[in-house]
Amino acid sequence: MTIDDRLTQIIFIAIIIVIFVLLAFWGIATIGWTNSTGVKDGFLPSGPYRFTRNPQYVGDTVLFLGLSIIANSQLLWITHALLTLWFIIALLSEEVWLKEQYGDEYERYRREAPRFL
């Protein structure tokens, strides 16, 4: 791979990273900081939550993937794989909490919006 090819690859990955980081921030902006930190402050299935139930996790995971590709570091791959596993465990426990808090409203939403993309 030439230097120009590598630079093109890095720029492409950086653009993807920026798009998915913006998705994560859009998710926080849509539901607000209070809801984003786990305090029940209303159920808002709008904004990016129309497309995925977990825009912050999706955005962060793509960020990690892109950084791992750019850095080409085995340690980073392992670290990001473990973080992604942590995100999956967290979102599964969050879904239980959301069902307890919002009941049928959350169940309807869960049927309509995919967990990821």
N, C-alpha and C. Protein backbone atom coordinates (compact mmCIF):
# COMPACT_ATOMS: atom_id res chain seq x y z
N MET A 1 0.85 -1.17 0.00
CA MET A 1 0.00 0.00 0.00
C MET A 1 0.90 1.24 0.00
N THR A 2 0.61 2.15 -0.91
CA THR A 2 1.41 3.37 -0.98
C THR A 2 0.98 4.35 0.11
N ILE A 3 1.80 5.35 0.31
CA ILE A 3 1.48 6.39 1.32
C ILE A 3 0.19 7.10 0.94
N ASP A 4 -0.01 7.37 -0.35
CA ASP A 4 -1.24 8.03 -0.80
C ASP A 4 -2.47 7.16 -0.53
N ASP A 5 -2.33 5.85 -0.76
CA ASP A 5 -3.45 4.94 -0.48
C ASP A 5 -3.77 4.93 1.01
N ARG A 6 -2.72 4.89 1.84
CA ARG A 6 -2.92 4.87 3.30
C ARG A 6 -3.56 6.17 3.76
N LEU A 7 -3.12 7.31 3.21
CA LEU A 7 -3.70 8.60 3.57
C LEU A 7 -5.18 8.67 3.17
N THR A 8 -5.50 8.15 1.99
CA THR A 8 -6.90 8.10 1.54
C THR A 8 -7.72 7.23 2.48
N GLN A 9 -7.17 6.11 2.88
CA GLN A 9 -7.87 5.22 3.80
C GLN A 9 -8.11 5.92 5.14
N ILE A 10 -7.11 6.59 5.66
CA ILE A 10 -7.26 7.29 6.94
C ILE A 10 -8.29 8.39 6.85
N ILE A 11 -8.29 9.15 5.77
CA ILE A 11 -9.27 10.23 5.60
C ILE A 11 -10.69 9.65 5.52
N PHE A 12 -10.85 8.57 4.76
CA PHE A 12 -12.17 7.93 4.64
C PHE A 12 -12.66 7.44 6.00
N ILE A 13 -11.79 6.77 6.73
CA ILE A 13 -12.17 6.26 8.05
C ILE A 13 -12.46 7.42 9.00
N ALA A 14 -11.68 8.48 8.93
CA ALA A 14 -11.91 9.65 9.79
C ALA A 14 -13.29 10.27 9.52
N ILE A 15 -13.68 10.32 8.26
CA ILE A 15 -15.01 10.86 7.92
C ILE A 15 -16.10 9.97 8.51
N ILE A 16 -15.95 8.66 8.40
CA ILE A 16 -16.93 7.72 8.99
C ILE A 16 -16.98 7.92 10.50
N ILE A 17 -15.82 8.04 11.13
CA ILE A 17 -15.76 8.25 12.58
C ILE A 17 -16.53 9.50 12.96
N VAL A 18 -16.29 10.59 12.26
CA VAL A 18 -16.96 11.85 12.58
C VAL A 18 -18.47 11.69 12.45
N ILE A 19 -18.93 11.04 11.41
CA ILE A 19 -20.37 10.84 11.21
C ILE A 19 -20.98 10.08 12.39
N PHE A 20 -20.33 9.02 12.83
CA PHE A 20 -20.90 8.20 13.90
C PHE A 20 -20.72 8.85 15.28
N VAL A 21 -19.69 9.65 15.46
CA VAL A 21 -19.56 10.41 16.71
C VAL A 21 -20.69 11.44 16.76
N LEU A 22 -20.99 12.06 15.63
CA LEU A 22 -22.12 12.99 15.59
C LEU A 22 -23.43 12.28 15.90
N LEU A 23 -23.57 11.03 15.45
CA LEU A 23 -24.75 10.23 15.79
C LEU A 23 -24.86 10.07 17.31
N ALA A 24 -23.74 9.77 17.96
CA ALA A 24 -23.73 9.61 19.42
C ALA A 24 -24.13 10.91 20.10
N PHE A 25 -23.56 12.03 19.67
CA PHE A 25 -23.90 13.33 20.27
C PHE A 25 -25.35 13.72 19.98
N TRP A 26 -25.84 13.37 18.80
CA TRP A 26 -27.24 13.63 18.46
C TRP A 26 -28.15 12.87 19.43
N GLY A 27 -27.76 11.65 19.75
CA GLY A 27 -28.52 10.85 20.71
C GLY A 27 -28.58 11.52 22.07
N ILE A 28 -27.44 12.02 22.55
CA ILE A 28 -27.42 12.72 23.85
C ILE A 28 -28.26 13.98 23.78
N ALA A 29 -28.11 14.73 22.68
CA ALA A 29 -28.88 15.98 22.55
C ALA A 29 -30.38 15.72 22.48
N THR A 30 -30.77 14.61 21.88
CA THR A 30 -32.20 14.29 21.73
C THR A 30 -32.85 13.97 23.07
N ILE A 31 -32.23 13.11 23.86
CA ILE A 31 -32.87 12.71 25.12
C ILE A 31 -32.42 13.54 26.31
N GLY A 32 -31.38 14.35 26.12
CA GLY A 32 -30.90 15.19 27.22
C GLY A 32 -29.90 14.46 28.09
N TRP A 33 -29.09 15.22 28.78
CA TRP A 33 -28.03 14.63 29.61
C TRP A 33 -28.60 13.79 30.74
N THR A 34 -29.71 14.24 31.34
CA THR A 34 -30.29 13.50 32.47
C THR A 34 -30.70 12.10 32.07
N ASN A 35 -31.46 11.96 30.99
CA ASN A 35 -31.85 10.63 30.51
C ASN A 35 -30.64 9.83 30.06
N SER A 36 -29.67 10.49 29.49
CA SER A 36 -28.48 9.80 28.99
C SER A 36 -27.66 9.17 30.11
N THR A 37 -27.76 9.72 31.31
CA THR A 37 -27.00 9.19 32.44
C THR A 37 -27.80 8.18 33.26
N GLY A 38 -29.02 7.86 32.84
CA GLY A 38 -29.77 6.81 33.50
C GLY A 38 -30.83 7.29 34.49
N VAL A 39 -31.04 8.58 34.58
CA VAL A 39 -32.09 9.11 35.45
C VAL A 39 -33.36 9.19 34.62
N LYS A 40 -34.44 8.65 35.15
CA LYS A 40 -35.71 8.65 34.41
C LYS A 40 -36.21 10.09 34.29
N ASP A 41 -36.26 10.56 33.03
CA ASP A 41 -36.68 11.94 32.79
C ASP A 41 -37.57 12.01 31.56
N GLY A 42 -38.30 10.94 31.29
CA GLY A 42 -39.21 10.92 30.15
C GLY A 42 -38.68 10.06 29.02
N PHE A 43 -39.59 9.44 28.31
CA PHE A 43 -39.24 8.55 27.21
C PHE A 43 -39.40 9.31 25.90
N LEU A 44 -38.31 9.43 25.13
CA LEU A 44 -38.32 10.23 23.91
C LEU A 44 -37.81 9.43 22.71
N PRO A 45 -38.67 8.67 22.06
CA PRO A 45 -38.21 7.89 20.90
C PRO A 45 -38.20 8.73 19.62
N SER A 46 -37.35 9.76 19.58
CA SER A 46 -37.28 10.63 18.41
C SER A 46 -35.81 10.84 18.04
N GLY A 47 -35.57 11.71 17.07
CA GLY A 47 -34.20 11.95 16.63
C GLY A 47 -33.56 10.66 16.13
N PRO A 48 -32.32 10.39 16.51
CA PRO A 48 -31.65 9.18 16.03
C PRO A 48 -32.26 7.91 16.60
N TYR A 49 -33.04 8.05 17.66
CA TYR A 49 -33.68 6.88 18.28
C TYR A 49 -34.78 6.29 17.40
N ARG A 50 -35.13 6.99 16.33
CA ARG A 50 -36.06 6.42 15.34
C ARG A 50 -35.37 5.33 14.52
N PHE A 51 -34.02 5.43 14.40
CA PHE A 51 -33.26 4.53 13.54
C PHE A 51 -32.54 3.42 14.32
N THR A 52 -32.21 3.69 15.56
CA THR A 52 -31.52 2.73 16.41
C THR A 52 -31.85 3.03 17.87
N ARG A 53 -32.00 1.99 18.67
CA ARG A 53 -32.29 2.21 20.08
C ARG A 53 -31.04 2.63 20.85
N ASN A 54 -29.89 2.55 20.22
CA ASN A 54 -28.62 2.82 20.93
C ASN A 54 -27.65 3.65 20.10
N PRO A 55 -28.03 4.88 19.72
CA PRO A 55 -27.14 5.66 18.85
C PRO A 55 -25.79 5.98 19.51
N GLN A 56 -25.77 6.14 20.82
CA GLN A 56 -24.50 6.45 21.48
C GLN A 56 -23.55 5.25 21.42
N TYR A 57 -24.06 4.06 21.69
CA TYR A 57 -23.23 2.86 21.62
C TYR A 57 -22.79 2.58 20.18
N VAL A 58 -23.68 2.76 19.22
CA VAL A 58 -23.32 2.55 17.82
C VAL A 58 -22.23 3.53 17.41
N GLY A 59 -22.43 4.81 17.75
CA GLY A 59 -21.43 5.82 17.41
C GLY A 59 -20.08 5.55 18.04
N ASP A 60 -20.08 5.21 19.31
CA ASP A 60 -18.81 4.94 20.00
C ASP A 60 -18.13 3.69 19.45
N THR A 61 -18.90 2.66 19.13
CA THR A 61 -18.31 1.43 18.59
C THR A 61 -17.66 1.68 17.24
N VAL A 62 -18.32 2.46 16.38
CA VAL A 62 -17.71 2.78 15.09
C VAL A 62 -16.47 3.65 15.29
N LEU A 63 -16.50 4.55 16.25
CA LEU A 63 -15.32 5.34 16.59
C LEU A 63 -14.16 4.42 16.96
N PHE A 64 -14.42 3.47 17.85
CA PHE A 64 -13.38 2.52 18.27
C PHE A 64 -12.86 1.71 17.09
N LEU A 65 -13.77 1.24 16.24
CA LEU A 65 -13.37 0.45 15.08
C LEU A 65 -12.46 1.27 14.17
N GLY A 66 -12.86 2.50 13.90
CA GLY A 66 -12.06 3.36 13.03
C GLY A 66 -10.69 3.65 13.60
N LEU A 67 -10.65 3.96 14.89
CA LEU A 67 -9.35 4.22 15.52
C LEU A 67 -8.46 2.99 15.51
N SER A 68 -9.06 1.82 15.70
CA SER A 68 -8.28 0.58 15.67
C SER A 68 -7.70 0.34 14.29
N ILE A 69 -8.48 0.61 13.25
CA ILE A 69 -7.99 0.42 11.89
C ILE A 69 -6.85 1.40 11.59
N ILE A 70 -7.06 2.66 11.96
CA ILE A 70 -6.04 3.68 11.70
C ILE A 70 -4.75 3.37 12.45
N ALA A 71 -4.86 3.03 13.73
CA ALA A 71 -3.68 2.81 14.56
C ALA A 71 -3.00 1.48 14.26
N ASN A 72 -3.78 0.50 13.80
CA ASN A 72 -3.26 -0.83 13.49
C ASN A 72 -2.45 -1.40 14.66
N SER A 73 -3.07 -1.34 15.84
CA SER A 73 -2.41 -1.80 17.07
C SER A 73 -3.20 -2.97 17.66
N GLN A 74 -2.54 -4.08 17.92
CA GLN A 74 -3.22 -5.22 18.52
C GLN A 74 -3.78 -4.87 19.89
N LEU A 75 -3.04 -4.10 20.67
CA LEU A 75 -3.52 -3.70 22.00
C LEU A 75 -4.79 -2.87 21.89
N LEU A 76 -4.83 -1.98 20.92
CA LEU A 76 -6.03 -1.17 20.71
C LEU A 76 -7.21 -2.03 20.27
N TRP A 77 -6.95 -3.01 19.39
CA TRP A 77 -8.02 -3.92 18.96
C TRP A 77 -8.60 -4.66 20.16
N ILE A 78 -7.74 -5.16 21.03
CA ILE A 78 -8.21 -5.90 22.21
C ILE A 78 -8.99 -4.97 23.14
N THR A 79 -8.44 -3.79 23.39
CA THR A 79 -9.11 -2.82 24.27
C THR A 79 -10.48 -2.45 23.73
N HIS A 80 -10.55 -2.16 22.45
CA HIS A 80 -11.83 -1.75 21.86
C HIS A 80 -12.81 -2.91 21.78
N ALA A 81 -12.33 -4.11 21.59
CA ALA A 81 -13.21 -5.28 21.61
C ALA A 81 -13.82 -5.45 23.01
N LEU A 82 -13.01 -5.25 24.03
CA LEU A 82 -13.53 -5.36 25.40
C LEU A 82 -14.52 -4.25 25.71
N LEU A 83 -14.25 -3.04 25.24
CA LEU A 83 -15.20 -1.94 25.44
C LEU A 83 -16.52 -2.21 24.72
N THR A 84 -16.43 -2.75 23.52
CA THR A 84 -17.65 -3.09 22.79
C THR A 84 -18.44 -4.17 23.51
N LEU A 85 -17.76 -5.15 24.04
CA LEU A 85 -18.43 -6.18 24.85
C LEU A 85 -19.11 -5.54 26.06
N TRP A 86 -18.43 -4.62 26.70
CA TRP A 86 -19.02 -3.90 27.84
C TRP A 86 -20.28 -3.14 27.40
N PHE A 87 -20.24 -2.50 26.24
CA PHE A 87 -21.41 -1.78 25.74
C PHE A 87 -22.58 -2.73 25.53
N ILE A 88 -22.32 -3.91 24.99
CA ILE A 88 -23.39 -4.87 24.76
C ILE A 88 -24.01 -5.31 26.08
N ILE A 89 -23.18 -5.59 27.07
CA ILE A 89 -23.70 -5.96 28.40
C ILE A 89 -24.51 -4.81 28.99
N ALA A 90 -23.99 -3.59 28.87
CA ALA A 90 -24.69 -2.42 29.42
C ALA A 90 -26.04 -2.22 28.75
N LEU A 91 -26.08 -2.29 27.43
CA LEU A 91 -27.35 -2.03 26.76
C LEU A 91 -28.39 -3.10 27.06
N LEU A 92 -27.96 -4.34 27.25
CA LEU A 92 -28.91 -5.39 27.62
C LEU A 92 -29.51 -5.12 29.00
N SER A 93 -28.70 -4.66 29.93
CA SER A 93 -29.23 -4.33 31.26
C SER A 93 -30.08 -3.07 31.21
N GLU A 94 -29.71 -2.13 30.36
CA GLU A 94 -30.52 -0.91 30.21
C GLU A 94 -31.90 -1.23 29.65
N GLU A 95 -31.97 -2.20 28.75
CA GLU A 95 -33.26 -2.56 28.18
C GLU A 95 -34.20 -3.11 29.26
N VAL A 96 -33.67 -3.86 30.20
CA VAL A 96 -34.49 -4.36 31.30
C VAL A 96 -35.03 -3.18 32.11
N TRP A 97 -34.15 -2.23 32.44
CA TRP A 97 -34.55 -1.04 33.21
C TRP A 97 -35.60 -0.23 32.45
N LEU A 98 -35.39 -0.03 31.14
CA LEU A 98 -36.34 0.74 30.35
C LEU A 98 -37.72 0.07 30.32
N LYS A 99 -37.75 -1.25 30.21
CA LYS A 99 -39.03 -1.97 30.23
C LYS A 99 -39.71 -1.79 31.58
N GLU A 100 -38.95 -1.87 32.67
CA GLU A 100 -39.52 -1.67 34.00
C GLU A 100 -40.07 -0.25 34.17
N GLN A 101 -39.35 0.72 33.65
CA GLN A 101 -39.74 2.12 33.84
C GLN A 101 -40.87 2.56 32.92
N TYR A 102 -40.84 2.11 31.66
CA TYR A 102 -41.77 2.65 30.66
C TYR A 102 -42.76 1.62 30.13
N GLY A 103 -42.65 0.37 30.53
CA GLY A 103 -43.64 -0.66 30.23
C GLY A 103 -43.98 -0.83 28.76
N ASP A 104 -45.29 -0.78 28.48
CA ASP A 104 -45.79 -1.03 27.12
C ASP A 104 -45.27 -0.01 26.12
N GLU A 105 -45.07 1.22 26.56
CA GLU A 105 -44.55 2.26 25.66
C GLU A 105 -43.17 1.85 25.12
N TYR A 106 -42.32 1.34 26.00
CA TYR A 106 -41.00 0.90 25.56
C TYR A 106 -41.10 -0.37 24.71
N GLU A 107 -41.98 -1.28 25.06
CA GLU A 107 -42.15 -2.51 24.27
C GLU A 107 -42.57 -2.19 22.84
N ARG A 108 -43.49 -1.24 22.66
CA ARG A 108 -43.88 -0.84 21.30
C ARG A 108 -42.69 -0.27 20.54
N TYR A 109 -41.95 0.60 21.22
CA TYR A 109 -40.77 1.20 20.61
C TYR A 109 -39.74 0.14 20.25
N ARG A 110 -39.54 -0.82 21.13
CA ARG A 110 -38.55 -1.88 20.91
C ARG A 110 -38.88 -2.71 19.67
N ARG A 111 -40.16 -2.88 19.41
CA ARG A 111 -40.57 -3.62 18.20
C ARG A 111 -40.34 -2.80 16.93
N GLU A 112 -40.35 -1.47 17.05
CA GLU A 112 -40.25 -0.60 15.88
C GLU A 112 -38.82 -0.21 15.52
N ALA A 113 -37.97 -0.03 16.51
CA ALA A 113 -36.60 0.45 16.26
C ALA A 113 -35.60 -0.67 16.49
N PRO A 114 -34.64 -0.84 15.59
CA PRO A 114 -33.64 -1.90 15.79
C PRO A 114 -32.68 -1.55 16.93
N ARG A 115 -32.11 -2.57 17.53
CA ARG A 115 -31.15 -2.37 18.63
C ARG A 115 -29.93 -1.61 18.13
N PHE A 116 -29.44 -1.98 16.96
CA PHE A 116 -28.30 -1.30 16.35
C PHE A 116 -28.79 -0.60 15.11
N LEU A 117 -28.19 -0.81 13.97
CA LEU A 117 -28.68 -0.15 12.74
C LEU A 117 -29.31 -1.13 11.80
